[in-house]
Amino acid sequence: MPACATHAATRRCLRRCRTRSVLDARRHDYNHVRPHSKPGGRTPAEKAARPIRGA
């Protein structure tokens, strides 16, 4: 029984790591690669890097 529990824990860990990797890649694409339709076609990262006027 312990080997089965270890195998299940390993599978859960691998699934969690794979999910995290997919989400990190999506977050990076959304914030740094994909142009947006609103703020002048800039990505959120480009918009955040732009200096604030009047500051």
C-alpha atoms as a PDB file:
ATOM      1  CA  MET A   1       0.000   0.000   0.000  1.00  0.00           C
ATOM      2  CA  PRO A   2       2.755   2.600   0.716  1.00  0.00           C
ATOM      3  CA  ALA A   3       4.125   2.279  -2.827  1.00  0.00           C
ATOM      4  CA  CYS A   4       0.680   3.021  -4.226  1.00  0.00           C
ATOM      5  CA  ALA A   5       0.326   6.089  -2.011  1.00  0.00           C
ATOM      6  CA  THR A   6       3.765   7.299  -3.078  1.00  0.00           C
ATOM      7  CA  HIS A   7       2.869   6.795  -6.735  1.00  0.00           C
ATOM      8  CA  ALA A   8      -0.369   8.750  -6.312  1.00  0.00           C
ATOM      9  CA  ALA A   9       1.466  11.584  -4.538  1.00  0.00           C
ATOM     10  CA  THR A  10       4.053  11.688  -7.325  1.00  0.00           C
ATOM     11  CA  ARG A  11       1.318  11.886  -9.967  1.00  0.00           C
ATOM     12  CA  ARG A  12      -0.405  14.716  -8.065  1.00  0.00           C
ATOM     13  CA  CYS A  13       2.876  16.588  -7.773  1.00  0.00           C
ATOM     14  CA  LEU A  14       3.617  16.187 -11.484  1.00  0.00           C
ATOM     15  CA  ARG A  15       0.096  17.338 -12.388  1.00  0.00           C
ATOM     16  CA  ARG A  16       0.484  20.363 -10.127  1.00  0.00           C
ATOM     17  CA  CYS A  17       3.859  21.252 -11.674  1.00  0.00           C
ATOM     18  CA  ARG A  18       2.492  20.842 -15.203  1.00  0.00           C
ATOM     19  CA  THR A  19      -0.541  22.996 -14.388  1.00  0.00           C
ATOM     20  CA  ARG A  20       1.659  25.687 -12.853  1.00  0.00           C
ATOM     21  CA  SER A  21       3.889  25.646 -15.938  1.00  0.00           C
ATOM     22  CA  VAL A  22       0.923  26.039 -18.296  1.00  0.00           C
ATOM     23  CA  LEU A  23      -0.527  28.881 -16.211  1.00  0.00           C
ATOM     24  CA  ASP A  24       2.850  30.658 -16.006  1.00  0.00           C
ATOM     25  CA  ALA A  25       3.229  30.456 -19.790  1.00  0.00           C
ATOM     26  CA  ARG A  26      -0.293  31.822 -20.296  1.00  0.00           C
ATOM     27  CA  ARG A  27       0.299  34.656 -17.826  1.00  0.00           C
ATOM     28  CA  HIS A  28       3.545  35.597 -19.580  1.00  0.00           C
ATOM     29  CA  ASP A  29       1.861  35.550 -22.993  1.00  0.00           C
ATOM     30  CA  TYR A  30      -1.031  37.672 -21.724  1.00  0.00           C
ATOM     31  CA  ASN A  31       1.178  40.273 -20.035  1.00  0.00           C
ATOM     32  CA  HIS A  32       4.176  40.460 -22.383  1.00  0.00           C
ATOM     33  CA  VAL A  33       3.365  39.122 -25.845  1.00  0.00           C
ATOM     34  CA  ARG A  34      -0.280  39.472 -26.800  1.00  0.00           C
ATOM     35  CA  PRO A  35      -1.271  42.956 -27.994  1.00  0.00           C
ATOM     36  CA  HIS A  36      -4.423  44.305 -26.378  1.00  0.00           C
ATOM     37  CA  SER A  37      -7.271  46.028 -28.131  1.00  0.00           C
ATOM     38  CA  LYS A  38      -7.625  48.818 -25.599  1.00  0.00           C
ATOM     39  CA  PRO A  39      -4.648  50.772 -24.210  1.00  0.00           C
ATOM     40  CA  GLY A  40      -3.173  51.689 -27.594  1.00  0.00           C
ATOM     41  CA  GLY A  41      -2.511  48.069 -28.538  1.00  0.00           C
ATOM     42  CA  ARG A  42       0.115  47.797 -25.804  1.00  0.00           C
ATOM     43  CA  THR A  43       0.518  44.802 -23.564  1.00  0.00           C
ATOM     44  CA  PRO A  44      -0.125  45.257 -19.832  1.00  0.00           C
ATOM     45  CA  ALA A  45       3.646  45.110 -19.217  1.00  0.00           C
ATOM     46  CA  GLU A  46       4.266  47.905 -21.745  1.00  0.00           C
ATOM     47  CA  LYS A  47       1.502  49.997 -20.214  1.00  0.00           C
ATOM     48  CA  ALA A  48       2.887  49.488 -16.702  1.00  0.00           C
ATOM     49  CA  ALA A  49       6.412  50.425 -17.826  1.00  0.00           C
ATOM     50  CA  ARG A  50       5.260  53.717 -19.308  1.00  0.00           C
ATOM     51  CA  PRO A  51       5.920  56.714 -17.026  1.00  0.00           C
ATOM     52  CA  ILE A  52       2.890  58.387 -15.480  1.00  0.00           C
ATOM     53  CA  ARG A  53       2.260  61.862 -16.889  1.00  0.00           C
ATOM     54  CA  GLY A  54       2.323  64.722 -14.420  1.00  0.00           C
ATOM     55  CA  ALA A  55       4.261  62.798 -11.802  1.00  0.00           C
END
